[in-house]
Amino acid sequence: NTSMMKPKHLFRGQCKSTRLLAVSIPPEPLCVCWEKLQVGALGRGMKRLLTFSLTALTIILSCITVTAVRERYGLAIMALSITAINSVAPTICDYLVIFLEAHTTRGTQQASIYFKTTACKWVLTTILTAYVTPFVNTLDNDDDSLIPALYAIYIAELVVTPVTKTLDIVGHLYRHVLAPRCENQKIMNAFFEAEEFDLSERYTDMSNVLFLTCFYSAIMPAGYFWSAATLMVHYYVDKFCLLRVWTPAPNVDTPVVDLSRLYIFPLCIMLYAIMSSYSFALFPFDNSCELPDEELPHEYVGSFNATTGEGESVVFSIEDGSSVFKYCNQDMLRYNPWPAFPAIPSSQPKGNEWMNEDQQFSVILGWTAVWVVGFAVLVLLDVVRKRLRQFFFGEFEKHQKLSYEAFSHRPTISAYVPQIKIPGALFPTLLCDVSNIDHSIIGWDDPCDFDKISHNAIYDVPNLVNCGVLSTVTHWGNRWKFFQGPYCRRSNHSLRSVIKHDEHGPLWSFLTLN
């Protein structure tokens, strides 16, 4: 109800308008995806549905590949295959998001890549490892057990991934093998272009190690030390690559950070509580329940020959007075039709109880997991509520602190100039007439073409300049003063700015995009 608002809070309140402005913090100028702005909400949703389907198909095929490698070549090769797929996953997700999805900013684009790459790595590195490992081999020291598989994964993350980044094999191949054999200078310059710093991949590597540690923390407490060492090595390797290997990336807004803060890290904590409760409850992971009231029959005493499930012949002995056990399914995560939750003693099947007095602590862990899951659901519902509230209600924040520094006095700030990045080109391609602005506010500079004529699309077609087909960007600096009074008059420009004046002069300079 805008009639309850003060006129100064309404758009053109002095003109008796009932419109209420929806103002938010804009993204960085160089992060706007100008070529995707024309895509509507329905088109963006359909494109994201397509990329989600392709990502799910990629995860399924990768799981089949890793499972086949484990069965045929063992744990060591399986860990290397997981590391190799994890190295390729960001590239696949990059192509899916960049070429198939439509994002208005680089921030949302990076967040989409982050989500898809994280899903791939979590499933392949953590969840698939637990799925393909036999339940009774969880705590064994055999080659098919879980602990050696985790050690192999940690070693691969600690050694293979940082070494691959530091060596930059693909970059050296481009610069020292392919570049000298190029036919022209433009192609050779493209081969010398460094790999761009990818914020989503950095967050993915960090969250992957964190998720692996939280998932298996109760089974493998040494994972905390392996995780700390891995993250420390990744930090110094990323620092080296940022200074020596990668090219600087433009500043992006906060969708990647918000995705980690609101969803990824809370999900890690929630699964940490759940898997810790299950790890204590499922001990000793042998699917056997002791029968204390039954005595061992005499016909079972002696040495016997047996064949394992894998076809191996073994010899074992049973002594008189040994305890009697029976088979009982301890894998509460795979109960039919639903997993047993919470993982507490009362969730055991009747007649097949295996928990002893030392496992009563699982009651505390189980109900703690329930509390954590409930809290996580409430937080998620609160996030959804805030997102839905934005469609019906606005939020007003009054900022008292004003800066008297004009736009033209900030040498490092960039303007909103339409431009696109073409793969293989050293500089972006401008999509507007920039003859009426200072080129220092575009955000980049070519020392060989200061006027940027060779990088402007309007000069590619004859007689396209000044014909009104493409946009024109105009800058009014502090030396101009077209408007008087507290607010500017109505303008015919498609992009308008409000100018506030006081005794110190104009508070802002502004840009218009015709």
Protein backbone atom coordinates (compact mmCIF):
# COMPACT_ATOMS: atom_id res chain seq x y z
CA ASN A 1 0.00 0.00 0.00
CA THR A 2 2.02 2.97 -1.27
CA SER A 3 -0.49 5.45 0.17
CA MET A 4 0.96 4.73 3.63
CA MET A 5 4.47 5.68 2.46
CA LYS A 6 5.94 9.12 2.82
CA PRO A 7 6.14 11.03 -0.49
CA LYS A 8 9.93 11.26 -0.25
CA HIS A 9 10.14 7.47 -0.35
CA LEU A 10 8.11 7.24 -3.58
CA PHE A 11 9.50 7.52 -7.07
CA ARG A 12 9.01 11.17 -8.13
CA GLY A 13 7.05 11.76 -4.97
CA GLN A 14 6.78 15.44 -5.77
CA CYS A 15 4.85 14.50 -8.92
CA LYS A 16 2.22 12.57 -6.87
CA SER A 17 3.29 9.21 -8.25
CA THR A 18 2.37 5.96 -6.50
CA ARG A 19 5.33 3.99 -7.81
CA LEU A 20 7.81 2.54 -5.35
CA LEU A 21 11.32 1.96 -6.61
CA ALA A 22 12.92 -1.49 -6.32
CA VAL A 23 16.59 -0.59 -5.82
CA SER A 24 19.38 -3.09 -5.18
CA ILE A 25 23.16 -3.10 -5.25
CA PRO A 26 24.27 -3.49 -8.89
CA PRO A 27 26.89 -6.00 -10.04
CA GLU A 28 30.35 -4.99 -11.11
CA PRO A 29 30.35 -3.43 -14.61
CA LEU A 30 32.76 -5.98 -16.09
CA CYS A 31 30.65 -8.86 -14.72
CA VAL A 32 27.49 -8.07 -16.68
CA CYS A 33 26.73 -10.64 -19.39
CA TRP A 34 25.40 -8.18 -21.96
CA GLU A 35 24.76 -10.82 -24.62
CA LYS A 36 22.36 -12.74 -22.32
CA LEU A 37 20.23 -9.84 -21.06
CA GLN A 38 17.53 -10.37 -23.70
CA VAL A 39 16.69 -13.89 -22.48
CA GLY A 40 13.53 -14.00 -20.39
CA ALA A 41 12.91 -15.81 -17.12
CA LEU A 42 11.17 -18.74 -18.83
CA GLY A 43 14.03 -19.17 -21.29
CA ARG A 44 16.60 -19.09 -18.50
CA GLY A 45 14.63 -21.68 -16.53
CA MET A 46 14.39 -24.07 -19.48
CA LYS A 47 18.10 -23.75 -20.18
CA ARG A 48 18.95 -24.49 -16.56
CA LEU A 49 16.69 -27.54 -16.60
CA LEU A 50 18.59 -28.82 -19.64
CA THR A 51 22.00 -28.30 -18.03
CA PHE A 52 20.84 -29.97 -14.79
CA SER A 53 19.77 -33.01 -16.80
CA LEU A 54 23.09 -33.16 -18.63
CA THR A 55 24.97 -32.78 -15.33
CA ALA A 56 23.01 -35.68 -13.81
CA LEU A 57 23.80 -37.80 -16.88
CA THR A 58 27.50 -36.93 -16.54
CA ILE A 59 27.48 -37.96 -12.86
CA ILE A 60 25.82 -41.30 -13.68
CA LEU A 61 28.32 -42.11 -16.43
CA SER A 62 31.22 -41.11 -14.17
CA CYS A 63 29.94 -43.37 -11.39
CA ILE A 64 29.72 -46.31 -13.78
CA THR A 65 33.28 -45.64 -14.96
CA VAL A 66 34.75 -45.37 -11.44
CA THR A 67 32.95 -48.53 -10.31
CA ALA A 68 34.31 -50.49 -13.28
CA VAL A 69 37.84 -49.20 -12.63
CA ARG A 70 37.67 -50.25 -8.96
CA GLU A 71 36.49 -53.77 -9.79
CA ARG A 72 39.16 -54.28 -12.43
CA TYR A 73 42.24 -52.34 -11.27
CA GLY A 74 41.85 -51.76 -7.52
CA LEU A 75 41.82 -48.81 -5.14
CA ALA A 76 44.94 -46.97 -6.28
CA ILE A 77 43.78 -46.69 -9.89
CA MET A 78 40.26 -45.85 -8.69
CA ALA A 79 41.62 -42.89 -6.67
CA LEU A 80 43.55 -41.66 -9.70
CA SER A 81 40.45 -42.03 -11.89
CA ILE A 82 38.41 -40.00 -9.37
CA THR A 83 41.07 -37.28 -9.36
CA ALA A 84 41.17 -37.26 -13.17
CA ILE A 85 37.38 -36.96 -13.44
CA ASN A 86 37.37 -34.26 -10.76
CA SER A 87 39.91 -32.33 -12.84
CA VAL A 88 37.74 -32.60 -15.95
CA ALA A 89 34.41 -31.92 -14.19
CA PRO A 90 34.94 -28.12 -13.87
CA THR A 91 35.66 -27.87 -17.60
CA ILE A 92 32.53 -29.83 -18.48
CA CYS A 93 30.40 -27.71 -16.16
CA ASP A 94 31.97 -24.55 -17.57
CA TYR A 95 30.94 -25.49 -21.11
CA LEU A 96 27.44 -26.48 -20.02
CA VAL A 97 26.83 -23.23 -18.13
CA ILE A 98 28.60 -20.79 -20.46
CA PHE A 99 27.22 -22.09 -23.76
CA LEU A 100 23.79 -23.41 -22.73
CA GLU A 101 22.63 -21.30 -19.79
CA ALA A 102 21.71 -17.61 -19.85
CA HIS A 103 22.92 -15.52 -16.89
CA THR A 104 22.78 -11.77 -16.52
CA THR A 105 25.95 -11.56 -14.41
CA ARG A 106 29.16 -13.46 -14.01
CA GLY A 107 28.34 -13.97 -10.34
CA THR A 108 25.24 -16.10 -10.99
CA GLN A 109 27.14 -17.90 -13.74
CA GLN A 110 29.95 -18.80 -11.34
CA ALA A 111 27.41 -19.93 -8.74
CA SER A 112 25.80 -22.29 -11.25
CA ILE A 113 29.20 -23.76 -12.16
CA TYR A 114 30.02 -24.07 -8.46
CA PHE A 115 26.83 -25.98 -7.70
CA LYS A 116 27.18 -28.43 -10.60
CA THR A 117 30.90 -29.07 -10.07
CA THR A 118 30.40 -29.55 -6.33
CA ALA A 119 27.63 -32.09 -6.97
CA CYS A 120 29.92 -34.05 -9.32
CA LYS A 121 32.84 -34.10 -6.90
CA TRP A 122 30.78 -34.92 -3.83
CA VAL A 123 29.13 -37.88 -5.51
CA LEU A 124 32.31 -39.27 -7.06
CA THR A 125 34.74 -38.64 -4.22
CA THR A 126 32.64 -39.31 -1.14
CA ILE A 127 29.26 -40.92 -1.74
CA LEU A 128 30.35 -43.36 -4.46
CA THR A 129 33.32 -44.53 -2.36
CA ALA A 130 30.96 -45.54 0.45
CA TYR A 131 28.50 -47.16 -1.97
CA VAL A 132 30.98 -49.42 -3.81
CA THR A 133 32.74 -50.54 -0.61
CA PRO A 134 31.20 -53.71 0.91
CA PHE A 135 29.70 -53.00 4.31
CA VAL A 136 31.70 -55.71 6.11
CA ASN A 137 34.96 -54.32 4.65
CA THR A 138 34.48 -50.87 6.13
CA LEU A 139 37.07 -51.24 8.92
CA ASP A 140 39.29 -53.95 7.38
CA ASN A 141 42.84 -53.45 6.18
CA ASP A 142 42.26 -55.30 2.91
CA ASP A 143 42.58 -53.66 -0.45
CA ASP A 144 38.80 -53.56 -0.82
CA SER A 145 38.14 -51.80 2.49
CA LEU A 146 37.15 -48.20 3.04
CA ILE A 147 40.13 -46.86 4.99
CA PRO A 148 42.76 -47.57 2.27
CA ALA A 149 40.41 -46.01 -0.29
CA LEU A 150 40.18 -42.82 1.79
CA TYR A 151 43.96 -42.68 2.18
CA ALA A 152 44.34 -43.03 -1.59
CA ILE A 153 41.85 -40.19 -2.20
CA TYR A 154 43.56 -37.89 0.32
CA ILE A 155 46.98 -38.56 -1.21
CA ALA A 156 45.60 -37.84 -4.68
CA GLU A 157 44.05 -34.57 -3.49
CA LEU A 158 47.22 -33.64 -1.62
CA VAL A 159 49.70 -34.44 -4.38
CA VAL A 160 48.20 -35.02 -7.82
CA THR A 161 45.87 -32.01 -8.04
CA PRO A 162 48.39 -29.38 -6.77
CA VAL A 163 51.19 -30.77 -8.96
CA THR A 164 48.93 -30.65 -12.03
CA LYS A 165 48.02 -27.01 -11.33
CA THR A 166 51.62 -25.97 -10.71
CA LEU A 167 53.05 -27.64 -13.80
CA ASP A 168 50.39 -26.10 -16.09
CA ILE A 169 51.03 -28.72 -18.76
CA VAL A 170 48.36 -27.42 -21.14
CA GLY A 171 49.61 -23.83 -20.86
CA HIS A 172 53.21 -24.84 -21.61
CA LEU A 173 51.99 -26.90 -24.57
CA TYR A 174 50.15 -23.89 -25.98
CA ARG A 175 53.01 -21.43 -25.44
CA HIS A 176 56.04 -23.53 -26.39
CA VAL A 177 54.70 -26.03 -28.94
CA LEU A 178 51.61 -24.70 -30.67
CA ALA A 179 52.17 -20.93 -30.51
CA PRO A 180 55.48 -20.85 -32.49
CA ARG A 181 53.78 -22.82 -35.28
CA CYS A 182 50.79 -20.51 -35.72
CA GLU A 183 50.12 -18.91 -39.08
CA ASN A 184 49.34 -15.39 -37.83
CA GLN A 185 49.94 -13.16 -34.83
CA LYS A 186 46.33 -13.16 -33.62
CA ILE A 187 46.20 -16.92 -33.15
CA MET A 188 49.62 -16.92 -31.51
CA ASN A 189 48.50 -14.25 -29.03
CA ALA A 190 45.49 -16.39 -28.16
CA PHE A 191 47.78 -19.32 -27.31
CA PHE A 192 49.78 -17.07 -24.99
CA GLU A 193 46.65 -16.05 -23.08
CA ALA A 194 46.77 -17.47 -19.55
CA GLU A 195 43.99 -19.47 -17.93
CA GLU A 196 41.46 -17.29 -16.16
CA PHE A 197 41.13 -17.47 -12.40
CA ASP A 198 37.97 -19.43 -11.58
CA LEU A 199 36.45 -18.58 -8.20
CA SER A 200 33.88 -21.39 -8.45
CA GLU A 201 36.61 -24.01 -8.88
CA ARG A 202 38.47 -22.74 -5.82
CA TYR A 203 35.34 -22.99 -3.68
CA THR A 204 34.61 -26.44 -5.13
CA ASP A 205 38.05 -27.81 -4.18
CA MET A 206 37.69 -26.47 -0.65
CA SER A 207 34.14 -27.76 -0.14
CA ASN A 208 35.06 -31.18 -1.61
CA VAL A 209 37.82 -31.74 0.96
CA LEU A 210 35.61 -30.42 3.76
CA PHE A 211 32.71 -32.67 2.76
CA LEU A 212 34.95 -35.75 2.55
CA THR A 213 36.30 -35.08 6.04
CA CYS A 214 32.88 -34.44 7.60
CA PHE A 215 31.36 -37.52 5.97
CA TYR A 216 33.99 -39.96 7.29
CA SER A 217 35.13 -38.10 10.42
CA ALA A 218 33.96 -40.78 12.88
CA ILE A 219 35.42 -43.68 10.88
CA MET A 220 38.68 -41.93 10.03
CA PRO A 221 39.59 -39.22 12.59
CA ALA A 222 42.98 -38.85 10.90
CA GLY A 223 41.06 -37.20 8.06
CA TYR A 224 41.14 -33.94 10.02
CA PHE A 225 44.93 -33.81 9.71
CA TRP A 226 44.85 -34.90 6.07
CA SER A 227 42.25 -32.24 5.35
CA ALA A 228 44.28 -29.52 7.07
CA ALA A 229 47.40 -30.50 5.13
CA THR A 230 45.45 -30.65 1.84
CA LEU A 231 43.85 -27.23 2.32
CA MET A 232 47.20 -25.70 3.29
CA VAL A 233 48.86 -27.10 0.15
CA HIS A 234 45.92 -25.89 -1.98
CA TYR A 235 46.25 -22.42 -0.47
CA TYR A 236 49.91 -22.02 -1.39
CA VAL A 237 49.46 -23.63 -4.81
CA ASP A 238 46.53 -21.32 -5.59
CA LYS A 239 48.56 -18.35 -4.41
CA PHE A 240 51.43 -19.33 -6.72
CA CYS A 241 49.09 -19.90 -9.67
CA LEU A 242 47.28 -16.62 -9.02
CA LEU A 243 50.59 -14.74 -9.25
CA ARG A 244 52.34 -16.80 -11.92
CA VAL A 245 49.90 -18.92 -13.93
CA TRP A 246 46.35 -17.52 -13.99
CA THR A 247 45.16 -14.25 -15.43
CA PRO A 248 43.27 -11.90 -13.08
CA ALA A 249 39.50 -12.15 -13.23
CA PRO A 250 37.10 -9.22 -12.82
CA ASN A 251 35.43 -8.67 -9.49
CA VAL A 252 32.23 -10.66 -9.14
CA ASP A 253 29.27 -10.20 -6.84
CA THR A 254 28.28 -12.50 -4.00
CA PRO A 255 26.20 -15.44 -5.40
CA VAL A 256 29.09 -17.91 -4.98
CA VAL A 257 29.68 -16.83 -1.38
CA ASP A 258 25.95 -16.83 -0.63
CA LEU A 259 25.59 -20.35 -2.05
CA SER A 260 28.41 -21.59 0.20
CA ARG A 261 27.18 -19.76 3.27
CA LEU A 262 23.49 -20.63 2.96
CA TYR A 263 23.57 -24.14 1.48
CA ILE A 264 26.95 -25.86 0.97
CA PHE A 265 28.56 -25.41 4.38
CA PRO A 266 25.32 -26.01 6.35
CA LEU A 267 24.81 -29.19 4.32
CA CYS A 268 28.32 -30.33 5.30
CA ILE A 269 27.53 -29.75 8.98
CA MET A 270 24.20 -31.57 8.69
CA LEU A 271 25.77 -34.62 7.03
CA TYR A 272 28.59 -34.51 9.59
CA ALA A 273 26.05 -34.96 12.40
CA ILE A 274 24.09 -37.65 10.54
CA MET A 275 27.07 -39.77 9.46
CA SER A 276 28.71 -39.52 12.88
CA SER A 277 25.60 -40.98 14.49
CA TYR A 278 25.44 -43.80 11.95
CA SER A 279 29.16 -44.59 12.26
CA PHE A 280 28.86 -45.12 16.02
CA ALA A 281 25.61 -47.08 15.70
CA LEU A 282 26.80 -49.45 12.92
CA PHE A 283 29.97 -50.53 14.70
CA PRO A 284 31.54 -53.17 14.37
CA PHE A 285 30.40 -53.35 10.69
CA ASP A 286 30.39 -57.18 10.53
CA ASN A 287 26.67 -58.05 10.15
CA SER A 288 26.84 -60.52 13.06
CA CYS A 289 24.87 -60.61 16.30
CA GLU A 290 26.07 -62.58 19.32
CA LEU A 291 23.77 -65.17 20.95
CA PRO A 292 24.94 -65.23 24.60
CA ASP A 293 22.37 -67.82 25.72
CA GLU A 294 23.28 -70.46 23.15
CA GLU A 295 26.17 -72.92 23.41
CA LEU A 296 28.36 -73.97 20.53
CA PRO A 297 27.32 -77.42 19.17
CA HIS A 298 30.08 -80.04 19.21
CA GLU A 299 29.80 -80.71 15.47
CA TYR A 300 31.05 -77.16 14.82
CA VAL A 301 34.31 -77.67 16.74
CA GLY A 302 37.39 -78.40 14.57
CA SER A 303 39.04 -77.29 11.32
CA PHE A 304 37.01 -76.77 8.16
CA ASN A 305 37.47 -75.84 4.51
CA ALA A 306 35.28 -73.11 3.04
CA THR A 307 34.93 -71.05 -0.11
CA THR A 308 34.48 -67.28 0.05
CA GLY A 309 32.06 -65.29 -2.07
CA GLU A 310 34.91 -64.46 -4.44
CA GLY A 311 35.69 -68.17 -5.00
CA GLU A 312 38.78 -68.41 -2.76
CA SER A 313 39.37 -71.52 -0.62
CA VAL A 314 40.18 -70.85 3.05
CA VAL A 315 40.83 -73.01 6.11
CA PHE A 316 39.54 -71.94 9.53
CA SER A 317 39.28 -73.47 12.98
CA ILE A 318 36.60 -73.24 15.69
CA GLU A 319 37.55 -73.92 19.28
CA ASP A 320 35.31 -75.32 21.98
CA GLY A 321 33.68 -72.60 24.08
CA SER A 322 33.61 -70.01 21.29
CA SER A 323 30.72 -67.55 21.17
CA VAL A 324 27.79 -68.19 18.87
CA PHE A 325 26.78 -65.56 16.30
CA LYS A 326 24.06 -65.21 13.69
CA TYR A 327 23.66 -63.00 10.65
CA CYS A 328 21.94 -59.65 11.19
CA ASN A 329 21.81 -56.70 8.86
CA GLN A 330 23.60 -53.80 10.56
CA ASP A 331 23.53 -51.45 7.58
CA MET A 332 20.78 -49.15 8.84
CA LEU A 333 21.30 -46.84 5.86
CA ARG A 334 20.08 -49.54 3.47
CA TYR A 335 17.04 -50.82 5.31
CA ASN A 336 13.91 -51.30 3.21
CA PRO A 337 11.92 -49.31 2.40
CA TRP A 338 13.60 -46.40 4.24
CA PRO A 339 16.80 -46.01 6.25
CA ALA A 340 16.46 -46.24 10.01
CA PHE A 341 16.56 -42.69 11.37
CA PRO A 342 17.64 -41.69 13.94
CA ALA A 343 20.43 -44.23 14.39
CA ILE A 344 19.68 -45.17 18.00
CA PRO A 345 19.39 -48.56 19.78
CA SER A 346 15.58 -48.54 19.57
CA SER A 347 15.83 -48.45 15.74
CA GLN A 348 17.41 -51.93 15.67
CA PRO A 349 15.27 -54.80 14.36
CA LYS A 350 13.73 -56.85 17.11
CA GLY A 351 15.69 -60.04 17.72
CA ASN A 352 18.70 -58.73 15.78
CA GLU A 353 20.21 -56.26 18.25
CA TRP A 354 23.98 -55.82 18.06
CA MET A 355 24.71 -52.63 20.01
CA ASN A 356 26.43 -53.10 23.37
CA GLU A 357 26.57 -50.86 26.42
CA ASP A 358 29.52 -48.90 25.02
CA GLN A 359 27.34 -47.75 22.11
CA GLN A 360 24.71 -46.06 24.26
CA PHE A 361 26.41 -42.80 23.31
CA SER A 362 24.77 -43.26 19.91
CA VAL A 363 21.50 -42.10 21.52
CA ILE A 364 22.97 -38.63 22.05
CA LEU A 365 24.45 -38.57 18.56
CA GLY A 366 21.22 -39.77 16.96
CA TRP A 367 19.00 -37.16 18.57
CA THR A 368 21.63 -34.49 17.93
CA ALA A 369 21.43 -35.41 14.25
CA VAL A 370 17.64 -35.01 14.41
CA TRP A 371 18.03 -31.57 15.98
CA VAL A 372 20.60 -30.50 13.38
CA VAL A 373 18.40 -31.70 10.51
CA GLY A 374 15.40 -29.88 11.97
CA PHE A 375 17.42 -26.68 12.39
CA ALA A 376 18.73 -26.96 8.82
CA VAL A 377 15.17 -27.38 7.50
CA LEU A 378 14.06 -24.28 9.42
CA VAL A 379 16.96 -22.27 8.03
CA LEU A 380 16.13 -23.43 4.50
CA LEU A 381 12.47 -22.51 4.95
CA ASP A 382 13.52 -19.08 6.23
CA VAL A 383 15.66 -18.54 3.12
CA VAL A 384 12.72 -19.55 0.91
CA ARG A 385 10.44 -17.22 2.87
CA LYS A 386 12.78 -14.29 2.31
CA ARG A 387 13.03 -15.08 -1.40
CA LEU A 388 9.24 -15.23 -1.75
CA ARG A 389 8.81 -12.07 0.33
CA GLN A 390 10.80 -10.10 -2.24
CA PHE A 391 7.99 -10.62 -4.77
CA PHE A 392 5.36 -9.05 -2.50
CA PHE A 393 7.10 -6.73 -0.01
CA GLY A 394 10.04 -4.36 -0.21
CA GLU A 395 12.70 -3.62 2.36
CA PHE A 396 13.94 -0.10 3.01
CA GLU A 397 17.35 0.62 4.48
CA LYS A 398 18.34 4.19 5.18
CA HIS A 399 22.04 5.00 4.83
CA GLN A 400 23.17 8.14 6.63
CA LYS A 401 26.77 8.12 5.41
CA LEU A 402 27.27 9.99 2.13
CA SER A 403 30.44 10.19 0.09
CA TYR A 404 31.27 13.51 -1.49
CA GLU A 405 33.71 11.88 -3.88
CA ALA A 406 32.42 12.06 -7.44
CA PHE A 407 32.43 9.22 -9.94
CA SER A 408 35.11 10.93 -12.05
CA HIS A 409 37.43 11.19 -9.05
CA ARG A 410 37.72 7.39 -8.74
CA PRO A 411 40.37 6.26 -11.23
CA THR A 412 39.82 2.55 -10.59
CA ILE A 413 36.05 2.44 -11.09
CA SER A 414 34.51 1.24 -14.36
CA ALA A 415 31.34 2.23 -16.18
CA TYR A 416 28.53 0.05 -17.53
CA VAL A 417 29.69 -0.23 -21.13
CA PRO A 418 28.09 -3.06 -23.21
CA GLN A 419 30.79 -5.53 -24.26
CA ILE A 420 31.24 -9.27 -24.72
CA LYS A 421 34.19 -11.60 -24.34
CA ILE A 422 34.83 -13.69 -27.45
CA PRO A 423 36.88 -16.88 -26.86
CA GLY A 424 40.36 -16.52 -28.30
CA ALA A 425 40.33 -12.70 -28.31
CA LEU A 426 42.71 -10.88 -26.02
CA PHE A 427 40.27 -8.03 -25.32
CA PRO A 428 36.47 -7.79 -25.11
CA THR A 429 34.43 -6.56 -28.05
CA LEU A 430 32.52 -3.31 -27.48
CA LEU A 431 28.86 -3.16 -28.58
CA CYS A 432 28.25 0.59 -28.42
CA ASP A 433 29.56 3.99 -29.42
CA VAL A 434 32.16 5.10 -26.85
CA SER A 435 33.35 8.25 -28.57
CA ASN A 436 31.61 10.47 -25.98
CA ILE A 437 33.24 9.02 -22.88
CA ASP A 438 36.67 8.84 -21.34
CA HIS A 439 38.10 5.45 -22.32
CA SER A 440 39.67 5.01 -18.90
CA ILE A 441 36.25 4.09 -17.45
CA ILE A 442 35.71 1.18 -19.87
CA GLY A 443 37.72 -1.11 -17.58
CA TRP A 444 40.56 -2.23 -19.85
CA ASP A 445 43.05 -0.71 -22.29
CA ASP A 446 44.87 -1.88 -25.39
CA PRO A 447 48.25 -0.10 -25.66
CA CYS A 448 48.26 -0.68 -29.43
CA ASP A 449 44.77 0.73 -29.97
CA PHE A 450 43.89 3.37 -27.41
CA ASP A 451 40.71 4.42 -29.25
CA LYS A 452 39.61 0.76 -29.28
CA ILE A 453 38.45 0.99 -32.88
CA SER A 454 39.62 -2.54 -33.68
CA HIS A 455 37.69 -3.82 -30.65
CA ASN A 456 34.36 -2.10 -31.41
CA ALA A 457 31.62 -3.88 -33.33
CA ILE A 458 30.15 -0.65 -34.74
CA TYR A 459 33.18 -0.26 -37.01
CA ASP A 460 32.81 -3.73 -38.50
CA VAL A 461 29.86 -2.65 -40.69
CA PRO A 462 30.17 0.46 -42.89
CA ASN A 463 27.93 3.46 -42.05
CA LEU A 464 26.87 1.91 -38.74
CA VAL A 465 28.24 4.78 -36.66
CA ASN A 466 25.70 7.44 -35.62
CA CYS A 467 22.79 5.59 -37.24
CA GLY A 468 21.10 4.60 -33.98
CA VAL A 469 21.35 0.84 -34.43
CA LEU A 470 23.64 0.26 -31.44
CA SER A 471 23.66 2.05 -28.10
CA THR A 472 25.58 5.19 -27.28
CA VAL A 473 27.23 5.71 -23.89
CA THR A 474 27.64 9.29 -22.66
CA HIS A 475 29.44 10.58 -19.57
CA TRP A 476 28.81 13.90 -17.83
CA GLY A 477 31.65 14.74 -15.47
CA ASN A 478 31.77 17.21 -12.58
CA ARG A 479 32.54 20.13 -14.88
CA TRP A 480 28.98 19.92 -16.26
CA LYS A 481 25.93 21.10 -14.32
CA PHE A 482 22.77 20.62 -16.36
CA PHE A 483 20.31 20.16 -13.50
CA GLN A 484 19.38 22.50 -10.69
CA GLY A 485 17.53 21.78 -7.47
CA PRO A 486 17.50 18.69 -5.30
CA TYR A 487 16.38 16.22 -8.00
CA CYS A 488 16.69 15.99 -11.76
CA ARG A 489 13.78 16.59 -14.12
CA ARG A 490 12.17 13.89 -16.23
CA SER A 491 14.45 12.60 -18.99
CA ASN A 492 13.86 10.63 -22.18
CA HIS A 493 16.94 8.45 -21.63
CA SER A 494 16.30 4.75 -21.13
CA LEU A 495 18.76 4.70 -18.19
CA ARG A 496 18.29 7.56 -15.72
CA SER A 497 20.15 8.65 -12.60
CA VAL A 498 19.12 11.00 -9.78
CA ILE A 499 21.53 13.82 -8.93
CA LYS A 500 21.63 15.20 -5.41
CA HIS A 501 23.22 18.63 -4.73
CA ASP A 502 24.22 20.42 -1.57
CA GLU A 503 26.71 23.11 -0.54
CA HIS A 504 29.60 20.82 -1.50
CA GLY A 505 28.41 20.48 -5.11
CA PRO A 506 27.11 17.38 -6.90
CA LEU A 507 27.30 14.17 -4.88
CA TRP A 508 27.40 11.88 -7.93
CA SER A 509 28.32 11.99 -11.57
CA PHE A 510 26.17 9.81 -13.78
CA LEU A 511 26.00 7.89 -17.04
CA THR A 512 23.16 7.56 -19.51
CA LEU A 513 22.71 4.75 -22.02
CA ASN A 514 20.49 5.84 -24.94
